[in-house]
């Protein structure tokens, strides 16, 4: 994040077979990293086209 301070950071997580652990999501959110789950792809895929 220090190298690119004006960047957005995302983690693409495949939760189709195994749910995303709360500890995983919360630890990334502490660093302002957004977790994008595969199961909610329809909700966030159009947003990424804008970014």
N, C-alpha and C. Protein backbone atom coordinates (compact mmCIF):
# COMPACT_ATOMS: atom_id res chain seq x y z
N UNK A 1 0.82 -1.20 0.00
CA UNK A 1 0.00 0.00 0.00
C UNK A 1 0.86 1.26 0.00
N UNK A 2 2.01 1.16 0.66
CA UNK A 2 2.89 2.31 0.68
C UNK A 2 3.44 2.62 -0.71
N UNK A 3 3.64 1.59 -1.52
CA UNK A 3 4.19 1.78 -2.85
C UNK A 3 3.18 2.42 -3.80
N UNK A 4 1.90 2.18 -3.58
CA UNK A 4 0.86 2.74 -4.44
C UNK A 4 -0.26 3.31 -3.57
N UNK A 5 -0.06 4.46 -3.00
CA UNK A 5 -1.03 5.01 -2.04
C UNK A 5 -2.38 5.38 -2.64
N UNK A 6 -2.45 5.62 -3.93
CA UNK A 6 -3.73 6.00 -4.55
C UNK A 6 -4.40 4.83 -5.25
N UNK A 7 -4.11 3.63 -4.81
CA UNK A 7 -4.65 2.43 -5.45
C UNK A 7 -5.70 1.78 -4.57
N UNK A 8 -6.58 1.04 -5.23
CA UNK A 8 -7.55 0.22 -4.52
C UNK A 8 -7.04 -1.21 -4.51
N UNK A 9 -7.25 -1.91 -3.41
CA UNK A 9 -6.77 -3.27 -3.29
C UNK A 9 -7.95 -4.20 -3.10
N UNK A 10 -7.92 -5.32 -3.83
CA UNK A 10 -8.98 -6.30 -3.78
C UNK A 10 -8.39 -7.70 -3.64
N UNK A 11 -9.14 -8.56 -2.98
CA UNK A 11 -8.83 -9.98 -2.95
C UNK A 11 -10.04 -10.69 -3.53
N UNK A 12 -9.79 -11.53 -4.53
CA UNK A 12 -10.86 -12.32 -5.12
C UNK A 12 -10.85 -13.68 -4.45
N UNK A 13 -11.93 -13.98 -3.75
CA UNK A 13 -11.99 -15.22 -2.97
C UNK A 13 -13.07 -16.14 -3.54
N UNK A 14 -12.68 -17.38 -3.77
CA UNK A 14 -13.60 -18.39 -4.28
C UNK A 14 -14.30 -19.05 -3.09
N UNK A 15 -15.56 -18.75 -2.93
CA UNK A 15 -16.33 -19.31 -1.82
C UNK A 15 -17.43 -20.25 -2.29
N UNK A 16 -17.27 -20.80 -3.48
CA UNK A 16 -18.31 -21.68 -4.01
C UNK A 16 -18.36 -23.02 -3.28
N UNK A 17 -17.21 -23.53 -2.84
CA UNK A 17 -17.18 -24.82 -2.14
C UNK A 17 -16.95 -24.68 -0.64
N UNK A 18 -16.21 -23.65 -0.26
CA UNK A 18 -15.88 -23.43 1.15
C UNK A 18 -16.16 -21.97 1.48
N UNK A 19 -16.92 -21.67 2.52
CA UNK A 19 -17.19 -20.28 2.88
C UNK A 19 -15.92 -19.53 3.28
N UNK A 20 -15.94 -18.23 3.06
CA UNK A 20 -14.81 -17.39 3.44
C UNK A 20 -14.81 -17.23 4.95
N UNK A 21 -13.69 -17.49 5.57
CA UNK A 21 -13.57 -17.40 7.03
C UNK A 21 -13.67 -15.94 7.47
N UNK A 22 -14.37 -15.71 8.56
CA UNK A 22 -14.52 -14.36 9.10
C UNK A 22 -13.17 -13.74 9.45
N UNK A 23 -12.25 -14.53 9.99
CA UNK A 23 -10.92 -14.01 10.33
C UNK A 23 -10.19 -13.52 9.09
N UNK A 24 -10.35 -14.23 7.99
CA UNK A 24 -9.71 -13.85 6.73
C UNK A 24 -10.25 -12.50 6.26
N UNK A 25 -11.56 -12.37 6.21
CA UNK A 25 -12.18 -11.13 5.75
C UNK A 25 -11.88 -9.96 6.67
N UNK A 26 -11.99 -10.16 7.96
CA UNK A 26 -11.79 -9.06 8.89
C UNK A 26 -10.34 -8.60 8.92
N UNK A 27 -9.40 -9.53 8.77
CA UNK A 27 -7.99 -9.12 8.78
C UNK A 27 -7.67 -8.27 7.56
N UNK A 28 -8.25 -8.58 6.42
CA UNK A 28 -8.02 -7.76 5.23
C UNK A 28 -8.73 -6.42 5.31
N UNK A 29 -9.91 -6.41 5.88
CA UNK A 29 -10.64 -5.15 6.02
C UNK A 29 -9.90 -4.17 6.94
N UNK A 30 -9.14 -4.71 7.89
CA UNK A 30 -8.33 -3.85 8.76
C UNK A 30 -7.30 -3.06 7.98
N UNK A 31 -6.92 -3.57 6.81
CA UNK A 31 -5.95 -2.89 5.95
C UNK A 31 -6.62 -2.26 4.73
N UNK A 32 -7.91 -2.06 4.81
CA UNK A 32 -8.70 -1.46 3.71
C UNK A 32 -8.59 -2.24 2.41
N UNK A 33 -8.53 -3.56 2.52
CA UNK A 33 -8.53 -4.44 1.35
C UNK A 33 -9.91 -5.06 1.27
N UNK A 34 -10.55 -4.88 0.14
CA UNK A 34 -11.90 -5.40 -0.02
C UNK A 34 -11.86 -6.84 -0.52
N UNK A 35 -12.65 -7.71 0.10
CA UNK A 35 -12.75 -9.10 -0.30
C UNK A 35 -13.96 -9.24 -1.21
N UNK A 36 -13.72 -9.70 -2.43
CA UNK A 36 -14.79 -9.90 -3.40
C UNK A 36 -15.01 -11.40 -3.56
N UNK A 37 -16.17 -11.86 -3.13
CA UNK A 37 -16.44 -13.29 -3.16
C UNK A 37 -17.00 -13.72 -4.50
N UNK A 38 -16.64 -14.92 -4.90
CA UNK A 38 -17.09 -15.47 -6.18
C UNK A 38 -18.61 -15.61 -6.20
N UNK A 39 -19.20 -15.95 -5.08
CA UNK A 39 -20.65 -16.16 -5.04
C UNK A 39 -21.44 -14.86 -5.27
N UNK A 40 -20.81 -13.72 -5.00
CA UNK A 40 -21.46 -12.42 -5.21
C UNK A 40 -20.92 -11.70 -6.44
N UNK A 41 -20.37 -12.45 -7.37
CA UNK A 41 -19.73 -11.87 -8.55
C UNK A 41 -20.65 -10.92 -9.31
N UNK A 42 -21.89 -11.27 -9.44
CA UNK A 42 -22.83 -10.43 -10.19
C UNK A 42 -22.98 -9.04 -9.58
N UNK A 43 -22.75 -8.92 -8.30
CA UNK A 43 -22.89 -7.63 -7.62
C UNK A 43 -21.68 -6.72 -7.82
N UNK A 44 -20.48 -7.30 -7.93
CA UNK A 44 -19.29 -6.44 -7.98
C UNK A 44 -18.60 -6.38 -9.32
N UNK A 45 -18.92 -7.25 -10.26
CA UNK A 45 -18.19 -7.27 -11.53
C UNK A 45 -18.40 -5.98 -12.33
N UNK A 46 -19.58 -5.42 -12.32
CA UNK A 46 -19.82 -4.17 -13.06
C UNK A 46 -19.12 -2.99 -12.40
N UNK A 47 -18.99 -3.01 -11.10
CA UNK A 47 -18.26 -1.94 -10.40
C UNK A 47 -16.81 -1.89 -10.81
N UNK A 48 -16.19 -3.06 -11.02
CA UNK A 48 -14.79 -3.09 -11.41
C UNK A 48 -14.58 -2.53 -12.81
N UNK A 49 -15.57 -2.65 -13.66
CA UNK A 49 -15.45 -2.09 -15.01
C UNK A 49 -15.35 -0.57 -14.95
N UNK A 50 -15.98 0.03 -13.95
CA UNK A 50 -15.96 1.48 -13.80
C UNK A 50 -14.62 1.94 -13.26
N UNK A 51 -14.06 1.17 -12.37
CA UNK A 51 -12.79 1.52 -11.73
C UNK A 51 -11.71 1.38 -12.75
